Amino acid sequence: MVCDYSEGFVEPEMVKRRPALVLCPRIRARAGLCTVVALSTTPPEQTMPYHCEIELPFALPPPFDSKTVWIKGDMVNAVGFHRIDLFRLGKDAAGKRRYLMTPVGGEILLQARRCILHGLGLSMLTKELK
């Protein structure tokens, strides 16, 4: 997914469009919201336990077309669906729009959860992840 942080956020918060992982399934009591963690193609100035470099099992379209991305476990947000969108991959031969809808897999989600726990100051819970 790509998440648009450009409106309503102020630095040092995220303030531009960037890739993000959706962390949880739809929650009935939270219609129109989902929880995401931001990804970055730029390495952090100082790598912390809430950062993790990962290689996605698919290529992202430009301008996010880096071989690896960084999980920013200190940047977790509940955002409205109006902020997120699928990556657009152009149109197929029949003129139908194509979207990137490939799941990242369990290992990457586990790494994201580990980073998020560190980012929330809950490092002691990382040993419980399996």
C-alpha atoms as a PDB file:
ATOM      1  CA  MET A   1       0.000   0.000   0.000  1.00  0.00           C
ATOM      2  CA  VAL A   2       0.960   3.613  -0.326  1.00  0.00           C
ATOM      3  CA  CYS A   3      -0.102   5.971   2.465  1.00  0.00           C
ATOM      4  CA  ASP A   4      -0.509   9.720   2.019  1.00  0.00           C
ATOM      5  CA  TYR A   5       0.752  11.545   5.102  1.00  0.00           C
ATOM      6  CA  SER A   6       0.933  14.904   3.280  1.00  0.00           C
ATOM      7  CA  GLU A   7      -2.141  16.499   4.887  1.00  0.00           C
ATOM      8  CA  GLY A   8      -2.831  16.834   8.585  1.00  0.00           C
ATOM      9  CA  PHE A   9       0.625  15.749   9.705  1.00  0.00           C
ATOM     10  CA  VAL A  10       3.456  18.093  10.740  1.00  0.00           C
ATOM     11  CA  GLU A  11       7.190  17.345  10.912  1.00  0.00           C
ATOM     12  CA  PRO A  12       8.730  15.419  12.648  1.00  0.00           C
ATOM     13  CA  GLU A  13       5.724  13.233  11.741  1.00  0.00           C
ATOM     14  CA  MET A  14       5.568  11.691   8.274  1.00  0.00           C
ATOM     15  CA  VAL A  15       4.595  14.394   5.803  1.00  0.00           C
ATOM     16  CA  LYS A  16       4.625  12.753   2.358  1.00  0.00           C
ATOM     17  CA  ARG A  17       3.392   9.738   0.429  1.00  0.00           C
ATOM     18  CA  ARG A  18       5.281   6.576   1.260  1.00  0.00           C
ATOM     19  CA  PRO A  19       4.909   2.819   1.205  1.00  0.00           C
ATOM     20  CA  ALA A  20       3.301   1.271   4.271  1.00  0.00           C
ATOM     21  CA  LEU A  21       2.356  -2.154   5.561  1.00  0.00           C
ATOM     22  CA  VAL A  22      -1.191  -2.729   6.740  1.00  0.00           C
ATOM     23  CA  LEU A  23      -0.809  -4.428  10.117  1.00  0.00           C
ATOM     24  CA  CYS A  24      -4.183  -5.809  11.008  1.00  0.00           C
ATOM     25  CA  PRO A  25      -7.320  -7.050   9.326  1.00  0.00           C
ATOM     26  CA  ARG A  26     -10.418  -4.903   9.127  1.00  0.00           C
ATOM     27  CA  ILE A  27     -11.874  -4.320  12.580  1.00  0.00           C
ATOM     28  CA  ARG A  28     -15.656  -4.042  12.518  1.00  0.00           C
ATOM     29  CA  ALA A  29     -15.822  -1.419  15.275  1.00  0.00           C
ATOM     30  CA  ARG A  30     -13.315   0.778  13.420  1.00  0.00           C
ATOM     31  CA  ALA A  31     -15.036   1.238  10.077  1.00  0.00           C
ATOM     32  CA  GLY A  32     -12.927   3.214   7.646  1.00  0.00           C
ATOM     33  CA  LEU A  33      -9.655   2.864   9.595  1.00  0.00           C
ATOM     34  CA  CYS A  34      -6.652   0.600   9.391  1.00  0.00           C
ATOM     35  CA  THR A  35      -3.344   0.474  11.238  1.00  0.00           C
ATOM     36  CA  VAL A  36      -0.183   0.914   9.174  1.00  0.00           C
ATOM     37  CA  VAL A  37       3.551   1.120   9.697  1.00  0.00           C
ATOM     38  CA  ALA A  38       5.571   3.349   7.403  1.00  0.00           C
ATOM     39  CA  LEU A  39       8.313   2.075   5.119  1.00  0.00           C
ATOM     40  CA  SER A  40      11.223   4.102   3.767  1.00  0.00           C
ATOM     41  CA  THR A  41      13.619   3.593   0.881  1.00  0.00           C
ATOM     42  CA  THR A  42      16.179   5.750   2.719  1.00  0.00           C
ATOM     43  CA  PRO A  43      18.230   4.202   5.537  1.00  0.00           C
ATOM     44  CA  PRO A  44      17.854   5.925   8.913  1.00  0.00           C
ATOM     45  CA  GLU A  45      20.669   8.246  10.020  1.00  0.00           C
ATOM     46  CA  GLN A  46      21.135   6.000  13.044  1.00  0.00           C
ATOM     47  CA  THR A  47      19.738   2.471  12.969  1.00  0.00           C
ATOM     48  CA  MET A  48      17.687   1.730  16.068  1.00  0.00           C
ATOM     49  CA  PRO A  49      15.952  -1.478  17.254  1.00  0.00           C
ATOM     50  CA  TYR A  50      12.696  -0.156  15.763  1.00  0.00           C
ATOM     51  CA  HIS A  51      14.271  -0.083  12.276  1.00  0.00           C
ATOM     52  CA  CYS A  52      14.721  -3.104  10.068  1.00  0.00           C
ATOM     53  CA  GLU A  53      15.882  -3.355   6.481  1.00  0.00           C
ATOM     54  CA  ILE A  54      13.828  -5.851   4.484  1.00  0.00           C
ATOM     55  CA  GLU A  55      13.729  -7.091   0.937  1.00  0.00           C
ATOM     56  CA  LEU A  56      10.188  -7.211  -0.378  1.00  0.00           C
ATOM     57  CA  PRO A  57       9.166 -10.297  -2.407  1.00  0.00           C
ATOM     58  CA  PHE A  58       8.069  -7.976  -5.243  1.00  0.00           C
ATOM     59  CA  ALA A  59       9.222  -4.733  -6.838  1.00  0.00           C
ATOM     60  CA  LEU A  60       7.547  -1.461  -5.962  1.00  0.00           C
ATOM     61  CA  PRO A  61       6.884   1.020  -8.760  1.00  0.00           C
ATOM     62  CA  PRO A  62       8.834   4.319  -8.989  1.00  0.00           C
ATOM     63  CA  PRO A  63       9.646   6.383  -7.033  1.00  0.00           C
ATOM     64  CA  PHE A  64       9.766   3.592  -4.431  1.00  0.00           C
ATOM     65  CA  ASP A  65      11.626   1.098  -6.644  1.00  0.00           C
ATOM     66  CA  SER A  66      14.471   0.261  -4.263  1.00  0.00           C
ATOM     67  CA  LYS A  67      15.722  -3.307  -3.763  1.00  0.00           C
ATOM     68  CA  THR A  68      15.197  -2.921  -0.025  1.00  0.00           C
ATOM     69  CA  VAL A  69      13.037  -0.793   2.267  1.00  0.00           C
ATOM     70  CA  TRP A  70      13.263   0.088   5.935  1.00  0.00           C
ATOM     71  CA  ILE A  71      10.498  -0.629   8.417  1.00  0.00           C
ATOM     72  CA  LYS A  72       9.989   2.496  10.554  1.00  0.00           C
ATOM     73  CA  GLY A  73       8.609   0.812  13.683  1.00  0.00           C
ATOM     74  CA  ASP A  74       8.367   4.149  15.466  1.00  0.00           C
ATOM     75  CA  MET A  75       5.911   5.408  12.822  1.00  0.00           C
ATOM     76  CA  VAL A  76       2.691   3.429  13.414  1.00  0.00           C
ATOM     77  CA  ASN A  77      -0.630   5.122  12.687  1.00  0.00           C
ATOM     78  CA  ALA A  78      -4.333   4.377  12.519  1.00  0.00           C
ATOM     79  CA  VAL A  79      -5.281   6.061   9.257  1.00  0.00           C
ATOM     80  CA  GLY A  80      -8.497   6.488   7.304  1.00  0.00           C
ATOM     81  CA  PHE A  81      -8.971   4.561   4.092  1.00  0.00           C
ATOM     82  CA  HIS A  82      -8.884   7.894   2.247  1.00  0.00           C
ATOM     83  CA  ARG A  83      -5.121   8.037   3.028  1.00  0.00           C
ATOM     84  CA  ILE A  84      -4.222   4.640   1.563  1.00  0.00           C
ATOM     85  CA  ASP A  85      -4.220   3.322  -1.952  1.00  0.00           C
ATOM     86  CA  LEU A  86      -2.928   0.344  -3.851  1.00  0.00           C
ATOM     87  CA  PHE A  87       0.164   0.820  -5.986  1.00  0.00           C
ATOM     88  CA  ARG A  88      -0.912   1.361  -9.587  1.00  0.00           C
ATOM     89  CA  LEU A  89       0.936  -0.662 -12.211  1.00  0.00           C
ATOM     90  CA  GLY A  90      -0.559   0.821 -15.347  1.00  0.00           C
ATOM     91  CA  LYS A  91      -3.049  -0.919 -17.618  1.00  0.00           C
ATOM     92  CA  ASP A  92      -3.116  -4.387 -19.128  1.00  0.00           C
ATOM     93  CA  ALA A  93      -3.552  -5.152 -22.838  1.00  0.00           C
ATOM     94  CA  ALA A  94      -7.338  -4.821 -22.497  1.00  0.00           C
ATOM     95  CA  GLY A  95      -7.035  -1.371 -20.921  1.00  0.00           C
ATOM     96  CA  LYS A  96      -7.958  -2.553 -17.418  1.00  0.00           C
ATOM     97  CA  ARG A  97      -6.018  -0.969 -14.536  1.00  0.00           C
ATOM     98  CA  ARG A  98      -3.542  -3.208 -12.737  1.00  0.00           C
ATOM     99  CA  TYR A  99      -2.694  -2.902  -9.041  1.00  0.00           C
ATOM    100  CA  LEU A 100      -0.001  -4.415  -6.845  1.00  0.00           C
ATOM    101  CA  MET A 101      -1.838  -6.699  -4.418  1.00  0.00           C
ATOM    102  CA  THR A 102       0.842  -9.198  -3.387  1.00  0.00           C
ATOM    103  CA  PRO A 103       1.010  -9.983   0.355  1.00  0.00           C
ATOM    104  CA  VAL A 104       4.414  -9.590   2.007  1.00  0.00           C
ATOM    105  CA  GLY A 105       4.336 -12.877   3.930  1.00  0.00           C
ATOM    106  CA  GLY A 106       4.584 -13.929   7.543  1.00  0.00           C
ATOM    107  CA  GLU A 107       8.308 -13.392   8.093  1.00  0.00           C
ATOM    108  CA  ILE A 108       8.156  -9.728   7.067  1.00  0.00           C
ATOM    109  CA  LEU A 109       5.083  -9.149   9.240  1.00  0.00           C
ATOM    110  CA  LEU A 110       6.938 -10.747  12.152  1.00  0.00           C
ATOM    111  CA  GLN A 111       9.877  -8.379  11.594  1.00  0.00           C
ATOM    112  CA  ALA A 112       7.450  -5.439  11.431  1.00  0.00           C
ATOM    113  CA  ARG A 113       5.790  -6.469  14.695  1.00  0.00           C
ATOM    114  CA  ARG A 114       9.197  -6.760  16.371  1.00  0.00           C
ATOM    115  CA  CYS A 115      10.159  -3.251  15.192  1.00  0.00           C
ATOM    116  CA  ILE A 116       6.823  -1.821  16.321  1.00  0.00           C
ATOM    117  CA  LEU A 117       7.178  -3.288  19.811  1.00  0.00           C
ATOM    118  CA  HIS A 118      10.611  -1.660  20.090  1.00  0.00           C
ATOM    119  CA  GLY A 119       9.168   1.619  18.813  1.00  0.00           C
ATOM    120  CA  LEU A 120       6.407   1.544  21.429  1.00  0.00           C
ATOM    121  CA  GLY A 121       8.854   0.867  24.260  1.00  0.00           C
ATOM    122  CA  LEU A 122       7.602  -2.715  24.613  1.00  0.00           C
ATOM    123  CA  SER A 123      10.853  -4.491  23.727  1.00  0.00           C
ATOM    124  CA  MET A 124      10.300  -7.067  26.469  1.00  0.00           C
ATOM    125  CA  LEU A 125       7.384  -8.484  24.442  1.00  0.00           C
ATOM    126  CA  THR A 126       9.501  -9.289  21.381  1.00  0.00           C
ATOM    127  CA  LYS A 127      10.486 -12.632  22.940  1.00  0.00           C
ATOM    128  CA  GLU A 128       6.791 -13.614  22.778  1.00  0.00           C
ATOM    129  CA  LEU A 129       6.663 -13.272  18.972  1.00  0.00           C
ATOM    130  CA  LYS A 130       6.720 -16.470  16.972  1.00  0.00           C
END
